[in-house]
Amino acid sequence: MPKEVSVSPRVQGLLLMLCAAALIAVTSLMAKALGRGLGGPELHPAQISAGRFCFAFATLIPVLLWARPSFRGAPWCVHVGRSFFGWIGVSFLFAAAAQMPLADANAISFLSPIVAMALSIPFLGEKVGPKRWSAAALSLFGALVLTRPGTEAFQPAAVLALLSAFFMGIEVIFIKKLSNGEPPLRILAINNGIGAAISVSVASFFWIAPSQSQWFLLIALGMTMVTAQFCFILSMKRADASFVIPILYATPVFAALYDFAVFDQPLTILSVIGIAIIVTGALILVRRERAAKLRAQAQEE
């Protein structure tokens, strides 16, 4: 009998988070293909995000029917806020992805923890020390390297990616409010359900009949995103957040590979430098936030 090989929970968590990063990059690739009119007409970002939320929610329905989670007592105002700002952030990211290199768009969107850090001071009463501000400044410098405002290399689409980071940062504040007591499946179901309702309402003003291949991409987009969300949740359950969260910052690497393979979009040296600076600052910020959380827990005990 062959000896069974056991994989430690930490390694499982790492692999699951790596899968989440790869799948998130796939969703931006699909959004770029749909926004560029690959296989049909150019679709509006609002229509693309409607496909993302609607088909993600449809994918969840069999799971919800089997698990039958309770929705009694859910903090609906917080869920609505999270879903609304998440939908705006995703829509701006999809708009940026259609017009600029995927790696750049994804990297700029990772400025969202900085927005969340700044907003956590007035809304969550958190204290932010000089080391966290320094990490934020480092990531912002990386964004300047990427976008190069005031030069001929400036990409107007970068503004869309920055708006995406801003609104996703607001979403993180709501997620923090939900993370303490809300079951993960309920968070997923409510988020995608509300997101579907909002996105369909807005997309109706920009509706263009997709081709058959584009319908396939829209369905795949929703299914891929909810699979990425599941991988993220499972990863967080199997390993400590401080160990697995940094792996998520591999998303721009996957995005660059996909962009080159499908759209023949090469990475420039300045893009590599800018992405590296943003990711470094974000990783420092993640570590400092984790340390601050552990200190707060120790004081409570």
Protein backbone atom coordinates (compact mmCIF):
# COMPACT_ATOMS: atom_id res chain seq x y z
CA MET A 1 0.00 0.00 0.00
CA PRO A 2 1.43 3.42 -0.92
CA LYS A 3 1.98 5.69 2.04
CA GLU A 4 -0.46 8.58 2.24
CA VAL A 5 1.10 12.02 2.05
CA SER A 6 -0.44 14.47 4.52
CA VAL A 7 -0.37 18.18 3.82
CA SER A 8 -0.23 20.49 6.83
CA PRO A 9 -3.04 23.03 7.31
CA ARG A 10 -0.55 25.89 6.79
CA VAL A 11 0.48 24.53 3.39
CA GLN A 12 -3.18 23.93 2.50
CA GLY A 13 -3.93 27.54 3.43
CA LEU A 14 -1.03 28.79 1.33
CA LEU A 15 -2.12 26.78 -1.73
CA LEU A 16 -5.75 27.88 -1.35
CA MET A 17 -4.74 31.54 -1.14
CA LEU A 18 -2.52 31.09 -4.19
CA CYS A 19 -5.55 29.67 -6.03
CA ALA A 20 -7.61 32.67 -4.89
CA ALA A 21 -4.98 35.07 -6.27
CA ALA A 22 -4.82 33.20 -9.59
CA LEU A 23 -8.63 33.18 -9.91
CA ILE A 24 -9.03 36.87 -9.03
CA ALA A 25 -6.54 37.67 -11.80
CA VAL A 26 -8.62 35.49 -14.15
CA THR A 27 -11.70 37.61 -13.41
CA SER A 28 -9.86 40.78 -14.39
CA LEU A 29 -8.73 39.06 -17.60
CA MET A 30 -12.33 38.11 -18.42
CA ALA A 31 -13.47 41.66 -17.65
CA LYS A 32 -10.80 43.02 -20.00
CA ALA A 33 -11.88 40.63 -22.77
CA LEU A 34 -15.53 41.67 -22.37
CA GLY A 35 -14.68 45.37 -22.14
CA ARG A 36 -12.48 45.16 -25.23
CA GLY A 37 -15.25 43.47 -27.22
CA LEU A 38 -13.50 40.12 -27.61
CA GLY A 39 -16.00 37.80 -29.31
CA GLY A 40 -18.75 40.42 -29.52
CA PRO A 41 -19.60 44.06 -28.79
CA GLU A 42 -17.73 46.08 -26.15
CA LEU A 43 -19.68 45.69 -22.91
CA HIS A 44 -20.05 48.47 -20.34
CA PRO A 45 -18.28 47.87 -16.97
CA ALA A 46 -21.66 48.03 -15.20
CA GLN A 47 -22.93 45.19 -17.38
CA ILE A 48 -19.78 43.16 -16.73
CA SER A 49 -20.07 43.60 -12.95
CA ALA A 50 -23.75 42.58 -13.22
CA GLY A 51 -22.61 39.30 -14.75
CA ARG A 52 -20.01 38.92 -12.00
CA PHE A 53 -22.57 39.31 -9.17
CA CYS A 54 -25.57 37.58 -10.78
CA PHE A 55 -23.78 34.42 -11.82
CA ALA A 56 -21.79 34.32 -8.57
CA PHE A 57 -25.09 34.38 -6.67
CA ALA A 58 -26.55 31.73 -9.01
CA THR A 59 -23.53 29.52 -8.28
CA LEU A 60 -24.21 29.89 -4.55
CA ILE A 61 -27.89 28.90 -4.72
CA PRO A 62 -27.31 25.08 -4.62
CA VAL A 63 -24.96 25.56 -1.64
CA LEU A 64 -27.55 27.71 0.15
CA LEU A 65 -30.31 25.17 -0.48
CA TRP A 66 -28.11 22.45 0.98
CA ALA A 67 -26.68 24.37 3.97
CA ARG A 68 -29.84 26.43 4.69
CA PRO A 69 -28.05 29.22 6.60
CA SER A 70 -30.14 31.45 8.86
CA PHE A 71 -30.44 35.11 7.90
CA ARG A 72 -32.19 36.11 11.10
CA GLY A 73 -30.46 38.89 12.99
CA ALA A 74 -28.11 39.81 10.14
CA PRO A 75 -26.85 43.44 10.30
CA TRP A 76 -28.48 44.40 7.02
CA CYS A 77 -27.35 48.04 6.99
CA VAL A 78 -23.71 46.95 7.23
CA HIS A 79 -24.23 44.29 4.54
CA VAL A 80 -25.85 46.83 2.20
CA GLY A 81 -23.01 49.30 2.74
CA ARG A 82 -20.38 46.63 2.11
CA SER A 83 -22.14 45.37 -1.03
CA PHE A 84 -22.76 48.86 -2.45
CA PHE A 85 -19.16 50.05 -2.13
CA GLY A 86 -17.84 46.66 -3.22
CA TRP A 87 -19.95 46.84 -6.37
CA ILE A 88 -18.66 50.34 -7.19
CA GLY A 89 -15.06 49.23 -6.56
CA VAL A 90 -15.39 46.16 -8.78
CA SER A 91 -17.03 48.19 -11.57
CA PHE A 92 -14.20 50.74 -11.58
CA LEU A 93 -11.61 47.93 -11.53
CA PHE A 94 -13.26 46.28 -14.54
CA ALA A 95 -13.33 49.65 -16.35
CA ALA A 96 -9.62 50.14 -15.65
CA ALA A 97 -8.74 46.58 -16.66
CA ALA A 98 -10.23 47.13 -20.12
CA GLN A 99 -7.99 50.13 -20.77
CA MET A 100 -4.61 49.45 -19.12
CA PRO A 101 -2.25 46.56 -18.33
CA LEU A 102 -3.92 44.12 -15.96
CA ALA A 103 -0.94 43.96 -13.62
CA ASP A 104 -0.99 47.75 -13.19
CA ALA A 105 -4.76 47.87 -12.59
CA ASN A 106 -4.64 45.06 -10.02
CA ALA A 107 -1.62 46.53 -8.24
CA ILE A 108 -3.24 49.97 -7.93
CA SER A 109 -6.42 48.37 -6.57
CA PHE A 110 -4.27 46.90 -3.77
CA LEU A 111 -4.00 50.43 -2.36
CA SER A 112 -7.41 49.74 -0.77
CA PRO A 113 -5.88 48.68 2.61
CA ILE A 114 -4.34 52.16 2.83
CA VAL A 115 -7.75 53.77 2.33
CA ALA A 116 -9.17 51.40 4.94
CA MET A 117 -6.35 52.27 7.35
CA ALA A 118 -7.04 56.00 7.03
CA LEU A 119 -10.80 55.54 7.40
CA SER A 120 -10.40 53.22 10.39
CA ILE A 121 -9.28 56.22 12.49
CA PRO A 122 -12.60 58.15 12.38
CA PHE A 123 -14.95 55.18 11.83
CA LEU A 124 -13.42 52.42 13.97
CA GLY A 125 -11.46 54.47 16.46
CA GLU A 126 -8.18 52.74 15.60
CA LYS A 127 -4.79 54.28 16.28
CA VAL A 128 -2.30 54.38 13.41
CA GLY A 129 1.38 54.67 14.25
CA PRO A 130 4.24 56.13 12.18
CA LYS A 131 5.32 52.73 10.85
CA ARG A 132 1.92 52.09 9.28
CA TRP A 133 1.85 55.61 7.81
CA SER A 134 5.33 54.99 6.40
CA ALA A 135 4.12 51.76 4.76
CA ALA A 136 1.18 53.66 3.29
CA ALA A 137 3.48 56.36 1.93
CA LEU A 138 5.67 53.69 0.35
CA SER A 139 2.70 52.14 -1.48
CA LEU A 140 1.50 55.55 -2.63
CA PHE A 141 4.97 56.25 -4.02
CA GLY A 142 4.70 52.96 -5.93
CA ALA A 143 1.38 54.15 -7.36
CA LEU A 144 3.07 57.35 -8.55
CA VAL A 145 5.76 55.26 -10.26
CA LEU A 146 3.05 53.24 -12.00
CA THR A 147 0.78 56.09 -13.04
CA ARG A 148 3.48 58.77 -13.67
CA PRO A 149 1.10 61.77 -13.47
CA GLY A 150 2.18 64.87 -15.37
CA THR A 151 4.10 62.88 -17.98
CA GLU A 152 3.22 61.57 -21.42
CA ALA A 153 3.22 58.05 -19.96
CA PHE A 154 0.26 58.87 -17.68
CA GLN A 155 -2.72 56.58 -18.27
CA PRO A 156 -6.12 58.19 -17.64
CA ALA A 157 -7.45 54.69 -16.85
CA ALA A 158 -5.21 54.74 -13.77
CA VAL A 159 -7.69 57.18 -12.23
CA LEU A 160 -10.35 54.46 -12.53
CA ALA A 161 -8.05 52.00 -10.75
CA LEU A 162 -7.41 54.56 -8.00
CA LEU A 163 -11.16 55.08 -7.58
CA SER A 164 -11.51 51.30 -7.37
CA ALA A 165 -8.97 51.22 -4.54
CA PHE A 166 -10.79 54.05 -2.76
CA PHE A 167 -14.20 52.38 -2.82
CA MET A 168 -12.77 48.94 -2.00
CA GLY A 169 -11.07 50.56 0.97
CA ILE A 170 -14.46 51.77 2.21
CA GLU A 171 -15.76 48.24 1.68
CA VAL A 172 -12.98 46.90 3.94
CA ILE A 173 -14.33 49.06 6.80
CA PHE A 174 -17.71 47.35 6.48
CA ILE A 175 -16.03 43.93 6.20
CA LYS A 176 -14.22 44.59 9.48
CA LYS A 177 -17.56 45.29 11.12
CA LEU A 178 -18.91 41.98 9.77
CA SER A 179 -15.88 39.80 10.48
CA ASN A 180 -16.46 39.37 14.21
CA GLY A 181 -19.81 37.59 14.31
CA GLU A 182 -21.13 36.92 10.81
CA PRO A 183 -20.90 33.37 9.33
CA PRO A 184 -18.83 33.34 6.10
CA LEU A 185 -21.56 31.69 3.97
CA ARG A 186 -24.10 34.29 5.04
CA ILE A 187 -21.65 37.08 4.18
CA LEU A 188 -21.07 35.55 0.72
CA ALA A 189 -24.77 35.02 0.04
CA ILE A 190 -25.92 38.49 1.13
CA ASN A 191 -23.02 40.26 -0.58
CA ASN A 192 -23.57 38.58 -3.94
CA GLY A 193 -27.37 38.81 -3.67
CA ILE A 194 -27.39 42.55 -2.93
CA GLY A 195 -24.61 43.10 -5.46
CA ALA A 196 -26.69 41.33 -8.11
CA ALA A 197 -29.74 43.49 -7.38
CA ILE A 198 -27.74 46.75 -7.51
CA SER A 199 -25.67 45.84 -10.55
CA VAL A 200 -28.63 44.62 -12.65
CA SER A 201 -30.57 47.82 -11.90
CA VAL A 202 -27.66 49.99 -13.08
CA ALA A 203 -26.70 47.72 -16.01
CA SER A 204 -30.21 48.05 -17.46
CA PHE A 205 -29.29 51.60 -18.54
CA PHE A 206 -26.23 50.38 -20.48
CA TRP A 207 -27.49 47.02 -21.71
CA ILE A 208 -26.04 45.64 -24.94
CA ALA A 209 -26.99 42.14 -26.08
CA PRO A 210 -23.90 39.95 -25.51
CA SER A 211 -22.86 37.34 -28.04
CA GLN A 212 -23.04 33.65 -27.17
CA SER A 213 -19.34 33.53 -26.29
CA GLN A 214 -19.72 36.64 -24.12
CA TRP A 215 -22.59 35.02 -22.21
CA PHE A 216 -20.21 32.14 -21.52
CA LEU A 217 -17.57 34.58 -20.27
CA LEU A 218 -20.08 36.38 -18.03
CA ILE A 219 -21.17 33.07 -16.49
CA ALA A 220 -17.56 31.99 -16.06
CA LEU A 221 -16.73 35.37 -14.49
CA GLY A 222 -19.35 34.94 -11.76
CA MET A 223 -18.44 31.31 -11.08
CA THR A 224 -14.72 32.11 -10.97
CA MET A 225 -15.19 34.97 -8.52
CA VAL A 226 -17.30 32.98 -6.06
CA THR A 227 -14.77 30.12 -6.29
CA ALA A 228 -12.00 32.61 -5.47
CA GLN A 229 -14.02 33.83 -2.48
CA PHE A 230 -14.45 30.24 -1.24
CA CYS A 231 -10.71 29.60 -1.62
CA PHE A 232 -10.00 32.77 0.36
CA ILE A 233 -12.34 31.74 3.20
CA LEU A 234 -11.01 28.17 3.34
CA SER A 235 -7.44 29.49 3.36
CA MET A 236 -8.19 31.78 6.31
CA LYS A 237 -9.69 28.83 8.20
CA ARG A 238 -6.65 26.61 7.67
CA ALA A 239 -3.85 29.05 8.46
CA ASP A 240 -3.17 32.29 10.28
CA ALA A 241 -4.09 35.42 8.34
CA SER A 242 -0.61 36.90 8.70
CA PHE A 243 0.77 33.81 6.93
CA VAL A 244 -1.65 33.53 4.00
CA ILE A 245 -2.80 37.10 3.26
CA PRO A 246 0.58 38.13 1.74
CA ILE A 247 0.11 35.37 -0.87
CA LEU A 248 -2.89 37.28 -2.22
CA TYR A 249 -0.48 39.95 -3.45
CA ALA A 250 0.65 37.51 -6.13
CA THR A 251 -2.49 38.58 -8.05
CA PRO A 252 -0.65 41.19 -10.18
CA VAL A 253 1.93 38.53 -11.13
CA PHE A 254 -0.79 36.20 -12.40
CA ALA A 255 -2.50 39.15 -14.11
CA ALA A 256 0.71 40.04 -15.93
CA LEU A 257 1.13 36.46 -17.17
CA TYR A 258 -2.48 36.26 -18.39
CA ASP A 259 -2.28 39.69 -20.04
CA PHE A 260 0.85 38.71 -21.95
CA ALA A 261 -0.59 35.34 -22.99
CA VAL A 262 -3.94 36.69 -24.25
CA PHE A 263 -3.31 40.34 -25.22
CA ASP A 264 0.47 40.23 -25.80
CA GLN A 265 0.86 42.98 -23.18
CA PRO A 266 4.45 43.06 -21.85
CA LEU A 267 5.45 44.46 -18.47
CA THR A 268 7.69 47.52 -18.51
CA ILE A 269 10.56 47.96 -16.05
CA LEU A 270 8.77 50.88 -14.38
CA SER A 271 5.63 48.75 -14.00
CA VAL A 272 7.64 46.02 -12.28
CA ILE A 273 9.23 48.58 -9.95
CA GLY A 274 5.92 50.29 -9.18
CA ILE A 275 4.12 47.01 -8.51
CA ALA A 276 6.97 45.81 -6.27
CA ILE A 277 6.86 49.04 -4.23
CA ILE A 278 3.06 48.92 -3.82
CA VAL A 279 3.11 45.27 -2.77
CA THR A 280 6.00 45.84 -0.34
CA GLY A 281 4.18 48.72 1.35
CA ALA A 282 0.95 46.72 1.51
CA LEU A 283 2.69 43.70 3.04
CA ILE A 284 4.33 45.88 5.70
CA LEU A 285 0.92 47.36 6.44
CA VAL A 286 -0.66 43.88 6.77
CA ARG A 287 2.04 42.82 9.23
CA ARG A 288 1.68 45.98 11.31
CA GLU A 289 -2.12 45.65 11.43
CA ARG A 290 -1.78 42.03 12.51
CA ALA A 291 0.66 43.01 15.27
CA ALA A 292 -1.68 45.78 16.44
CA LYS A 293 -4.61 43.34 16.55
CA LEU A 294 -2.61 40.84 18.62
CA ARG A 295 -1.61 43.58 21.06
CA ALA A 296 -5.24 44.64 21.44
CA GLN A 297 -6.30 41.03 22.09
CA ALA A 298 -3.56 40.63 24.70
CA GLN A 299 -4.72 43.77 26.51
CA GLU A 300 -8.33 42.50 26.58
CA GLU A 301 -7.20 39.22 28.12
